[in-house]
Amino acid sequence: MGSKKRSARAREVADFKSQLENGLGGLDGLFANEKRREQKREADHDAAMRWKSCEKKNRYATRDEAEEARKWCEDRGTRGLEIYRCEYCGGWHLTSHPFE
């Protein structure tokens, strides 16, 4: 709403109200944009979590294979590794972060 003239401002207000009533732009457009932005943010977050907890790590088909890898690491000085089942790929991975 840029004009200071009453007649122009009244026209702008009327146009805005008609857009709201007709579902054109206005708040509906804002809500749709916000929903798209939130969906993109969630997809980006999920992709980052998948990369962090699955894709950048070695995958083991069985828990026994992961246990062997953990023992191999311990023999070479890496202690405190945990084994977990991956929710993304269904395989097994090692992590240095303890589970609560």
PDB file of N, CA and C in Angstrom:
ATOM      1  N   MET A   1       0.850  -1.173   0.000  1.00  0.00           N
ATOM      2  CA  MET A   1       0.000   0.000   0.000  1.00  0.00           C
ATOM      3  C   MET A   1       0.891   1.229   0.000  1.00  0.00           C
ATOM      4  N   GLY A   2       1.155   1.715  -1.202  1.00  0.00           N
ATOM      5  CA  GLY A   2       2.139   2.757  -1.329  1.00  0.00           C
ATOM      6  C   GLY A   2       1.600   4.174  -1.444  1.00  0.00           C
ATOM      7  N   SER A   3       0.383   4.388  -1.921  1.00  0.00           N
ATOM      8  CA  SER A   3      -0.108   5.741  -2.188  1.00  0.00           C
ATOM      9  C   SER A   3      -0.655   6.384  -0.921  1.00  0.00           C
ATOM     10  N   LYS A   4      -0.518   7.714  -0.850  1.00  0.00           N
ATOM     11  CA  LYS A   4      -1.041   8.453   0.293  1.00  0.00           C
ATOM     12  C   LYS A   4      -2.422   9.049  -0.006  1.00  0.00           C
ATOM     13  N   LYS A   5      -2.839   9.023  -1.262  1.00  0.00           N
ATOM     14  CA  LYS A   5      -4.154   9.570  -1.614  1.00  0.00           C
ATOM     15  C   LYS A   5      -5.230   8.617  -1.117  1.00  0.00           C
ATOM     16  N   ARG A   6      -6.305   9.213  -0.599  1.00  0.00           N
ATOM     17  CA  ARG A   6      -7.382   8.398  -0.029  1.00  0.00           C
ATOM     18  C   ARG A   6      -8.029   7.486  -1.072  1.00  0.00           C
ATOM     19  N   SER A   7      -8.272   8.000  -2.242  1.00  0.00           N
ATOM     20  CA  SER A   7      -8.958   7.206  -3.262  1.00  0.00           C
ATOM     21  C   SER A   7      -8.069   6.036  -3.720  1.00  0.00           C
ATOM     22  N   ALA A   8      -6.766   6.288  -3.888  1.00  0.00           N
ATOM     23  CA  ALA A   8      -5.850   5.227  -4.304  1.00  0.00           C
ATOM     24  C   ALA A   8      -5.707   4.191  -3.195  1.00  0.00           C
ATOM     25  N   ARG A   9      -5.602   4.676  -1.964  1.00  0.00           N
ATOM     26  CA  ARG A   9      -5.481   3.754  -0.833  1.00  0.00           C
ATOM     27  C   ARG A   9      -6.735   2.899  -0.692  1.00  0.00           C
ATOM     28  N   ALA A  10      -7.898   3.518  -0.862  1.00  0.00           N
ATOM     29  CA  ALA A  10      -9.159   2.776  -0.774  1.00  0.00           C
ATOM     30  C   ALA A  10      -9.214   1.699  -1.855  1.00  0.00           C
ATOM     31  N   ARG A  11      -8.755   2.026  -3.069  1.00  0.00           N
ATOM     32  CA  ARG A  11      -8.699   1.039  -4.149  1.00  0.00           C
ATOM     33  C   ARG A  11      -7.759  -0.116  -3.794  1.00  0.00           C
ATOM     34  N   GLU A  12      -6.593   0.212  -3.244  1.00  0.00           N
ATOM     35  CA  GLU A  12      -5.629  -0.827  -2.853  1.00  0.00           C
ATOM     36  C   GLU A  12      -6.203  -1.738  -1.772  1.00  0.00           C
ATOM     37  N   VAL A  13      -6.878  -1.146  -0.788  1.00  0.00           N
ATOM     38  CA  VAL A  13      -7.498  -1.934   0.278  1.00  0.00           C
ATOM     39  C   VAL A  13      -8.581  -2.834  -0.306  1.00  0.00           C
ATOM     40  N   ALA A  14      -9.397  -2.298  -1.197  1.00  0.00           N
ATOM     41  CA  ALA A  14     -10.456  -3.090  -1.820  1.00  0.00           C
ATOM     42  C   ALA A  14      -9.867  -4.235  -2.637  1.00  0.00           C
ATOM     43  N   ASP A  15      -8.794  -3.959  -3.392  1.00  0.00           N
ATOM     44  CA  ASP A  15      -8.135  -5.023  -4.167  1.00  0.00           C
ATOM     45  C   ASP A  15      -7.590  -6.114  -3.251  1.00  0.00           C
ATOM     46  N   PHE A  16      -6.964  -5.695  -2.170  1.00  0.00           N
ATOM     47  CA  PHE A  16      -6.401  -6.666  -1.226  1.00  0.00           C
ATOM     48  C   PHE A  16      -7.501  -7.536  -0.622  1.00  0.00           C
ATOM     49  N   LYS A  17      -8.609  -6.905  -0.211  1.00  0.00           N
ATOM     50  CA  LYS A  17      -9.719  -7.664   0.378  1.00  0.00           C
ATOM     51  C   LYS A  17     -10.338  -8.625  -0.635  1.00  0.00           C
ATOM     52  N   SER A  18     -10.443  -8.198  -1.884  1.00  0.00           N
ATOM     53  CA  SER A  18     -11.014  -9.090  -2.895  1.00  0.00           C
ATOM     54  C   SER A  18     -10.081 -10.276  -3.152  1.00  0.00           C
ATOM     55  N   GLN A  19      -8.776 -10.033  -3.100  1.00  0.00           N
ATOM     56  CA  GLN A  19      -7.829 -11.141  -3.255  1.00  0.00           C
ATOM     57  C   GLN A  19      -7.978 -12.141  -2.118  1.00  0.00           C
ATOM     58  N   LEU A  20      -8.176 -11.630  -0.909  1.00  0.00           N
ATOM     59  CA  LEU A  20      -8.370 -12.529   0.227  1.00  0.00           C
ATOM     60  C   LEU A  20      -9.642 -13.358   0.060  1.00  0.00           C
ATOM     61  N   GLU A  21     -10.724 -12.710  -0.372  1.00  0.00           N
ATOM     62  CA  GLU A  21     -11.995 -13.400  -0.548  1.00  0.00           C
ATOM     63  C   GLU A  21     -11.925 -14.438  -1.658  1.00  0.00           C
ATOM     64  N   ASN A  22     -11.183 -14.139  -2.719  1.00  0.00           N
ATOM     65  CA  ASN A  22     -11.079 -15.036  -3.868  1.00  0.00           C
ATOM     66  C   ASN A  22      -9.959 -16.051  -3.737  1.00  0.00           C
ATOM     67  N   GLY A  23      -9.185 -15.959  -2.675  1.00  0.00           N
ATOM     68  CA  GLY A  23      -8.088 -16.899  -2.484  1.00  0.00           C
ATOM     69  C   GLY A  23      -6.894 -16.626  -3.378  1.00  0.00           C
ATOM     70  N   LEU A  24      -6.799 -15.431  -3.929  1.00  0.00           N
ATOM     71  CA  LEU A  24      -5.684 -15.077  -4.805  1.00  0.00           C
ATOM     72  C   LEU A  24      -4.633 -14.340  -3.988  1.00  0.00           C
ATOM     73  N   GLY A  25      -3.457 -14.895  -3.901  1.00  0.00           N
ATOM     74  CA  GLY A  25      -2.387 -14.222  -3.160  1.00  0.00           C
ATOM     75  C   GLY A  25      -2.782 -14.066  -1.715  1.00  0.00           C
ATOM     76  N   GLY A  26      -2.578 -12.904  -1.169  1.00  0.00           N
ATOM     77  CA  GLY A  26      -2.968 -12.632   0.198  1.00  0.00           C
ATOM     78  C   GLY A  26      -2.403 -13.643   1.173  1.00  0.00           C
ATOM     79  N   LEU A  27      -3.183 -13.904   2.201  1.00  0.00           N
ATOM     80  CA  LEU A  27      -2.735 -14.818   3.253  1.00  0.00           C
ATOM     81  C   LEU A  27      -2.629 -16.261   2.772  1.00  0.00           C
ATOM     82  N   ASP A  28      -3.514 -16.661   1.851  1.00  0.00           N
ATOM     83  CA  ASP A  28      -3.422 -18.026   1.325  1.00  0.00           C
ATOM     84  C   ASP A  28      -2.072 -18.259   0.664  1.00  0.00           C
ATOM     85  N   GLY A  29      -1.638 -17.266  -0.109  1.00  0.00           N
ATOM     86  CA  GLY A  29      -0.332 -17.373  -0.745  1.00  0.00           C
ATOM     87  C   GLY A  29       0.795 -17.415   0.278  1.00  0.00           C
ATOM     88  N   LEU A  30       0.668 -16.613   1.318  1.00  0.00           N
ATOM     89  CA  LEU A  30       1.691 -16.621   2.367  1.00  0.00           C
ATOM     90  C   LEU A  30       1.756 -17.974   3.067  1.00  0.00           C
ATOM     91  N   PHE A  31       0.591 -18.530   3.380  1.00  0.00           N
ATOM     92  CA  PHE A  31       0.566 -19.832   4.047  1.00  0.00           C
ATOM     93  C   PHE A  31       1.113 -20.930   3.145  1.00  0.00           C
ATOM     94  N   ALA A  32       0.793 -20.857   1.856  1.00  0.00           N
ATOM     95  CA  ALA A  32       1.311 -21.852   0.913  1.00  0.00           C
ATOM     96  C   ALA A  32       2.828 -21.744   0.805  1.00  0.00           C
ATOM     97  N   ASN A  33       3.349 -20.520   0.741  1.00  0.00           N
ATOM     98  CA  ASN A  33       4.800 -20.329   0.688  1.00  0.00           C
ATOM     99  C   ASN A  33       5.466 -20.858   1.954  1.00  0.00           C
ATOM    100  N   GLU A  34       4.870 -20.583   3.094  1.00  0.00           N
ATOM    101  CA  GLU A  34       5.435 -21.054   4.361  1.00  0.00           C
ATOM    102  C   GLU A  34       5.421 -22.580   4.435  1.00  0.00           C
ATOM    103  N   LYS A  35       4.356 -23.192   3.937  1.00  0.00           N
ATOM    104  CA  LYS A  35       4.291 -24.652   3.946  1.00  0.00           C
ATOM    105  C   LYS A  35       5.374 -25.250   3.044  1.00  0.00           C
ATOM    106  N   ARG A  36       5.574 -24.676   1.862  1.00  0.00           N
ATOM    107  CA  ARG A  36       6.642 -25.145   0.963  1.00  0.00           C
ATOM    108  C   ARG A  36       8.013 -24.973   1.602  1.00  0.00           C
ATOM    109  N   ARG A  37       8.231 -23.836   2.257  1.00  0.00           N
ATOM    110  CA  ARG A  37       9.510 -23.573   2.914  1.00  0.00           C
ATOM    111  C   ARG A  37       9.753 -24.590   4.028  1.00  0.00           C
ATOM    112  N   GLU A  38       8.731 -24.886   4.797  1.00  0.00           N
ATOM    113  CA  GLU A  38       8.860 -25.862   5.891  1.00  0.00           C
ATOM    114  C   GLU A  38       9.124 -27.264   5.338  1.00  0.00           C
ATOM    115  N   GLN A  39       8.456 -27.644   4.264  1.00  0.00           N
ATOM    116  CA  GLN A  39       8.692 -28.955   3.656  1.00  0.00           C
ATOM    117  C   GLN A  39      10.112 -29.076   3.124  1.00  0.00           C
ATOM    118  N   LYS A  40      10.621 -28.007   2.519  1.00  0.00           N
ATOM    119  CA  LYS A  40      12.001 -28.015   2.025  1.00  0.00           C
ATOM    120  C   LYS A  40      12.985 -28.125   3.176  1.00  0.00           C
ATOM    121  N   ARG A  41      12.728 -27.397   4.256  1.00  0.00           N
ATOM    122  CA  ARG A  41      13.605 -27.449   5.422  1.00  0.00           C
ATOM    123  C   ARG A  41      13.630 -28.859   6.014  1.00  0.00           C
ATOM    124  N   GLU A  42      12.475 -29.488   6.115  1.00  0.00           N
ATOM    125  CA  GLU A  42      12.415 -30.857   6.643  1.00  0.00           C
ATOM    126  C   GLU A  42      13.150 -31.840   5.727  1.00  0.00           C
ATOM    127  N   ALA A  43      12.982 -31.684   4.422  1.00  0.00           N
ATOM    128  CA  ALA A  43      13.680 -32.566   3.473  1.00  0.00           C
ATOM    129  C   ALA A  43      15.191 -32.368   3.557  1.00  0.00           C
ATOM    130  N   ASP A  44      15.639 -31.115   3.664  1.00  0.00           N
ATOM    131  CA  ASP A  44      17.071 -30.838   3.800  1.00  0.00           C
ATOM    132  C   ASP A  44      17.622 -31.421   5.094  1.00  0.00           C
ATOM    133  N   HIS A  45      16.847 -31.301   6.179  1.00  0.00           N
ATOM    134  CA  HIS A  45      17.277 -31.848   7.471  1.00  0.00           C
ATOM    135  C   HIS A  45      17.377 -33.368   7.402  1.00  0.00           C
ATOM    136  N   ASP A  46      16.391 -33.999   6.793  1.00  0.00           N
ATOM    137  CA  ASP A  46      16.412 -35.462   6.672  1.00  0.00           C
ATOM    138  C   ASP A  46      17.604 -35.922   5.829  1.00  0.00           C
ATOM    139  N   ALA A  47      17.892 -35.199   4.752  1.00  0.00           N
ATOM    140  CA  ALA A  47      19.041 -35.550   3.910  1.00  0.00           C
ATOM    141  C   ALA A  47      20.346 -35.398   4.682  1.00  0.00           C
ATOM    142  N   ALA A  48      20.449 -34.351   5.490  1.00  0.00           N
ATOM    143  CA  ALA A  48      21.659 -34.143   6.288  1.00  0.00           C
ATOM    144  C   ALA A  48      21.815 -35.241   7.342  1.00  0.00           C
ATOM    145  N   MET A  49      20.719 -35.630   7.976  1.00  0.00           N
ATOM    146  CA  MET A  49      20.778 -36.695   8.987  1.00  0.00           C
ATOM    147  C   MET A  49      21.126 -38.033   8.338  1.00  0.00           C
ATOM    148  N   ARG A  50      20.582 -38.289   7.163  1.00  0.00           N
ATOM    149  CA  ARG A  50      20.902 -39.526   6.452  1.00  0.00           C
ATOM    150  C   ARG A  50      22.387 -39.565   6.115  1.00  0.00           C
ATOM    151  N   TRP A  51      22.934 -38.451   5.622  1.00  0.00           N
ATOM    152  CA  TRP A  51      24.349 -38.383   5.293  1.00  0.00           C
ATOM    153  C   TRP A  51      25.189 -38.625   6.550  1.00  0.00           C
ATOM    154  N   LYS A  52      24.825 -37.968   7.634  1.00  0.00           N
ATOM    155  CA  LYS A  52      25.615 -38.034   8.858  1.00  0.00           C
ATOM    156  C   LYS A  52      25.573 -39.417   9.496  1.00  0.00           C
ATOM    157  N   SER A  53      24.415 -40.038   9.532  1.00  0.00           N
ATOM    158  CA  SER A  53      24.288 -41.293  10.275  1.00  0.00           C
ATOM    159  C   SER A  53      24.384 -42.541   9.409  1.00  0.00           C
ATOM    160  N   CYS A  54      24.377 -42.397   8.079  1.00  0.00           N
ATOM    161  CA  CYS A  54      24.380 -43.585   7.233  1.00  0.00           C
ATOM    162  C   CYS A  54      25.368 -43.511   6.081  1.00  0.00           C
ATOM    163  N   GLU A  55      25.160 -42.563   5.179  1.00  0.00           N
ATOM    164  CA  GLU A  55      25.857 -42.588   3.899  1.00  0.00           C
ATOM    165  C   GLU A  55      27.361 -42.406   4.004  1.00  0.00           C
ATOM    166  N   LYS A  56      27.842 -41.677   5.002  1.00  0.00           N
ATOM    167  CA  LYS A  56      29.284 -41.454   5.097  1.00  0.00           C
ATOM    168  C   LYS A  56      29.992 -42.547   5.902  1.00  0.00           C
ATOM    169  N   LYS A  57      29.246 -43.514   6.396  1.00  0.00           N
ATOM    170  CA  LYS A  57      29.827 -44.559   7.238  1.00  0.00           C
ATOM    171  C   LYS A  57      29.884 -45.900   6.508  1.00  0.00           C
ATOM    172  N   ASN A  58      30.733 -46.769   7.027  1.00  0.00           N
ATOM    173  CA  ASN A  58      30.787 -48.137   6.503  1.00  0.00           C
ATOM    174  C   ASN A  58      29.537 -48.881   6.952  1.00  0.00           C
ATOM    175  N   ARG A  59      28.975 -49.656   6.047  1.00  0.00           N
ATOM    176  CA  ARG A  59      27.772 -50.420   6.336  1.00  0.00           C
ATOM    177  C   ARG A  59      28.151 -51.881   6.507  1.00  0.00           C
ATOM    178  N   TYR A  60      27.627 -52.492   7.553  1.00  0.00           N
ATOM    179  CA  TYR A  60      27.855 -53.915   7.811  1.00  0.00           C
ATOM    180  C   TYR A  60      26.516 -54.628   7.716  1.00  0.00           C
ATOM    181  N   ALA A  61      26.520 -55.777   7.055  1.00  0.00           N
ATOM    182  CA  ALA A  61      25.270 -56.505   6.802  1.00  0.00           C
ATOM    183  C   ALA A  61      24.700 -57.124   8.073  1.00  0.00           C
ATOM    184  N   THR A  62      25.577 -57.544   8.983  1.00  0.00           N
ATOM    185  CA  THR A  62      25.110 -58.180  10.222  1.00  0.00           C
ATOM    186  C   THR A  62      25.764 -57.515  11.424  1.00  0.00           C
ATOM    187  N   ARG A  63      25.164 -57.732  12.561  1.00  0.00           N
ATOM    188  CA  ARG A  63      25.737 -57.210  13.803  1.00  0.00           C
ATOM    189  C   ARG A  63      27.085 -57.857  14.082  1.00  0.00           C
ATOM    190  N   ASP A  64      27.230 -59.134  13.742  1.00  0.00           N
ATOM    191  CA  ASP A  64      28.508 -59.826  13.954  1.00  0.00           C
ATOM    192  C   ASP A  64      29.637 -59.170  13.148  1.00  0.00           C
ATOM    193  N   GLU A  65      29.346 -58.784  11.898  1.00  0.00           N
ATOM    194  CA  GLU A  65      30.359 -58.091  11.096  1.00  0.00           C
ATOM    195  C   GLU A  65      30.739 -56.757  11.738  1.00  0.00           C
ATOM    196  N   ALA A  66      29.760 -56.038  12.244  1.00  0.00           N
ATOM    197  CA  ALA A  66      30.036 -54.760  12.909  1.00  0.00           C
ATOM    198  C   ALA A  66      30.850 -54.979  14.176  1.00  0.00           C
ATOM    199  N   GLU A  67      30.562 -56.057  14.886  1.00  0.00           N
ATOM    200  CA  GLU A  67      31.321 -56.388  16.100  1.00  0.00           C
ATOM    201  C   GLU A  67      32.779 -56.700  15.757  1.00  0.00           C
ATOM    202  N   GLU A  68      33.005 -57.423  14.687  1.00  0.00           N
ATOM    203  CA  GLU A  68      34.373 -57.706  14.240  1.00  0.00           C
ATOM    204  C   GLU A  68      35.110 -56.421  13.889  1.00  0.00           C
ATOM    205  N   ALA A  69      34.416 -55.496  13.224  1.00  0.00           N
ATOM    206  CA  ALA A  69      35.034 -54.215  12.865  1.00  0.00           C
ATOM    207  C   ALA A  69      35.360 -53.410  14.119  1.00  0.00           C
ATOM    208  N   ARG A  70      34.472 -53.447  15.098  1.00  0.00           N
ATOM    209  CA  ARG A  70      34.738 -52.731  16.351  1.00  0.00           C
ATOM    210  C   ARG A  70      35.951 -53.313  17.057  1.00  0.00           C
ATOM    211  N   LYS A  71      36.059 -54.647  17.093  1.00  0.00           N
ATOM    212  CA  LYS A  71      37.227 -55.283  17.719  1.00  0.00           C
ATOM    213  C   LYS A  71      38.507 -54.925  16.968  1.00  0.00           C
ATOM    214  N   TRP A  72      38.426 -54.885  15.643  1.00  0.00           N
ATOM    215  CA  TRP A  72      39.584 -54.507  14.833  1.00  0.00           C
ATOM    216  C   TRP A  72      40.038 -53.089  15.193  1.00  0.00           C
ATOM    217  N   CYS A  73      39.067 -52.167  15.344  1.00  0.00           N
ATOM    218  CA  CYS A  73      39.384 -50.780  15.713  1.00  0.00           C
ATOM    219  C   CYS A  73      39.985 -50.707  17.118  1.00  0.00           C
ATOM    220  N   GLU A  74      39.437 -51.491  18.048  1.00  0.00           N
ATOM    221  CA  GLU A  74      39.962 -51.496  19.418  1.00  0.00           C
ATOM    222  C   GLU A  74      41.394 -52.020  19.453  1.00  0.00           C
ATOM    223  N   ASP A  75      41.695 -53.012  18.622  1.00  0.00           N
ATOM    224  CA  ASP A  75      43.056 -53.537  18.561  1.00  0.00           C
ATOM    225  C   ASP A  75      44.047 -52.478  18.074  1.00  0.00           C
ATOM    226  N   ARG A  76      43.544 -51.491  17.351  1.00  0.00           N
ATOM    227  CA  ARG A  76      44.405 -50.433  16.824  1.00  0.00           C
ATOM    228  C   ARG A  76      44.279 -49.122  17.591  1.00  0.00           C
ATOM    229  N   GLY A  77      43.642 -49.175  18.767  1.00  0.00           N
ATOM    230  CA  GLY A  77      43.630 -48.022  19.665  1.00  0.00           C
ATOM    231  C   GLY A  77      42.357 -47.195  19.724  1.00  0.00           C
ATOM    232  N   THR A  78      41.369 -47.491  18.919  1.00  0.00           N
ATOM    233  CA  THR A  78      40.121 -46.724  18.962  1.00  0.00           C
ATOM    234  C   THR A  78      39.160 -47.409  19.918  1.00  0.00           C
ATOM    235  N   ARG A  79      38.874 -46.765  21.025  1.00  0.00           N
ATOM    236  CA  ARG A  79      38.004 -47.336  22.061  1.00  0.00           C
ATOM    237  C   ARG A  79      36.669 -46.595  22.104  1.00  0.00           C
ATOM    238  N   GLY A  80      35.682 -47.231  22.680  1.00  0.00           N
ATOM    239  CA  GLY A  80      34.396 -46.592  22.927  1.00  0.00           C
ATOM    240  C   GLY A  80      33.447 -46.547  21.749  1.00  0.00           C
ATOM    241  N   LEU A  81      33.640 -47.372  20.740  1.00  0.00           N
ATOM    242  CA  LEU A  81      32.717 -47.379  19.614  1.00  0.00           C
ATOM    243  C   LEU A  81      31.463 -48.166  19.969  1.00  0.00           C
ATOM    244  N   GLU A  82      30.343 -47.670  19.499  1.00  0.00           N
ATOM    245  CA  GLU A  82      29.049 -48.328  19.693  1.00  0.00           C
ATOM    246  C   GLU A  82      28.540 -48.836  18.348  1.00  0.00           C
ATOM    247  N   ILE A  83      27.732 -49.872  18.393  1.00  0.00           N
ATOM    248  CA  ILE A  83      27.118 -50.442  17.198  1.00  0.00           C
ATOM    249  C   ILE A  83      25.635 -50.079  17.215  1.00  0.00           C
ATOM    250  N   TYR A  84      25.108 -49.690  16.062  1.00  0.00           N
ATOM    251  CA  TYR A  84      23.674 -49.408  16.008  1.00  0.00           C
ATOM    252  C   TYR A  84      23.097 -49.839  14.664  1.00  0.00           C
ATOM    253  N   ARG A  85      21.823 -50.150  14.703  1.00  0.00           N
ATOM    254  CA  ARG A  85      21.088 -50.514  13.485  1.00  0.00           C
ATOM    255  C   ARG A  85      20.608 -49.228  12.827  1.00  0.00           C
ATOM    256  N   CYS A  86      20.847 -49.093  11.556  1.00  0.00           N
ATOM    257  CA  CYS A  86      20.524 -47.872  10.825  1.00  0.00           C
ATOM    258  C   CYS A  86      19.052 -47.850  10.421  1.00  0.00           C
ATOM    259  N   GLU A  87      18.398 -46.747  10.709  1.00  0.00           N
ATOM    260  CA  GLU A  87      16.987 -46.598  10.334  1.00  0.00           C
ATOM    261  C   GLU A  87      16.810 -46.306   8.850  1.00  0.00           C
ATOM    262  N   TYR A  88      17.875 -45.900   8.169  1.00  0.00           N
ATOM    263  CA  TYR A  88      17.781 -45.563   6.751  1.00  0.00           C
ATOM    264  C   TYR A  88      18.032 -46.772   5.849  1.00  0.00           C
ATOM    265  N   CYS A  89      19.105 -47.513   6.119  1.00  0.00           N
ATOM    266  CA  CYS A  89      19.474 -48.600   5.210  1.00  0.00           C
ATOM    267  C   CYS A  89      19.209 -49.985   5.797  1.00  0.00           C
ATOM    268  N   GLY A  90      18.948 -50.062   7.096  1.00  0.00           N
ATOM    269  CA  GLY A  90      18.700 -51.356   7.724  1.00  0.00           C
ATOM    270  C   GLY A  90      19.972 -52.117   8.052  1.00  0.00           C
ATOM    271  N   GLY A  91      21.129 -51.565   7.686  1.00  0.00           N
ATOM    272  CA  GLY A  91      22.405 -52.204   8.002  1.00  0.00           C
ATOM    273  C   GLY A  91      22.881 -51.808   9.388  1.00  0.00           C
ATOM    274  N   TRP A  92      24.146 -52.100   9.667  1.00  0.00           N
ATOM    275  CA  TRP A  92      24.749 -51.805  10.964  1.00  0.00           C
ATOM    276  C   TRP A  92      25.919 -50.852  10.759  1.00  0.00           C
ATOM    277  N   HIS A  93      26.074 -49.916  11.676  1.00  0.00           N
ATOM    278  CA  HIS A  93      27.147 -48.940  11.614  1.00  0.00           C
ATOM    279  C   HIS A  93      27.821 -48.833  12.979  1.00  0.00           C
ATOM    280  N   LEU A  94      29.013 -48.221  12.982  1.00  0.00           N
ATOM    281  CA  LEU A  94      29.713 -47.903  14.218  1.00  0.00           C
ATOM    282  C   LEU A  94      29.638 -46.398  14.454  1.00  0.00           C
ATOM    283  N   THR A  95      29.582 -46.017  15.727  1.00  0.00           N
ATOM    284  CA  THR A  95      29.610 -44.607  16.079  1.00  0.00           C
ATOM    285  C   THR A  95      30.447 -44.398  17.320  1.00  0.00           C
ATOM    286  N   SER A  96      31.031 -43.221  17.423  1.00  0.00           N
ATOM    287  CA  SER A  96      31.802 -42.895  18.617  1.00  0.00           C
ATOM    288  C   SER A  96      30.955 -42.144  19.629  1.00  0.00           C
ATOM    289  N   HIS A  97      29.714 -41.845  19.252  1.00  0.00           N
ATOM    290  CA  HIS A  97      28.811 -41.139  20.165  1.00  0.00           C
ATOM    291  C   HIS A  97      27.998 -42.140  20.964  1.00  0.00           C
ATOM    292  N   PRO A  98      28.108 -42.095  22.296  1.00  0.00           N
ATOM    293  CA  PRO A  98      27.348 -43.059  23.110  1.00  0.00           C
ATOM    294  C   PRO A  98      25.845 -42.783  23.038  1.00  0.00           C
ATOM    295  N   PHE A  99      25.093 -43.825  23.159  1.00  0.00           N
ATOM    296  CA  PHE A  99      23.626 -43.719  23.156  1.00  0.00           C
ATOM    297  C   PHE A  99      23.150 -43.478  24.578  1.00  0.00           C
ATOM    298  N   GLU A 100      22.056 -42.748  24.688  1.00  0.00           N
ATOM    299  CA  GLU A 100      21.498 -42.479  26.020  1.00  0.00           C
ATOM    300  C   GLU A 100      20.432 -43.481  26.361  1.00  0.00           C
TER     301      GLU A 100
END
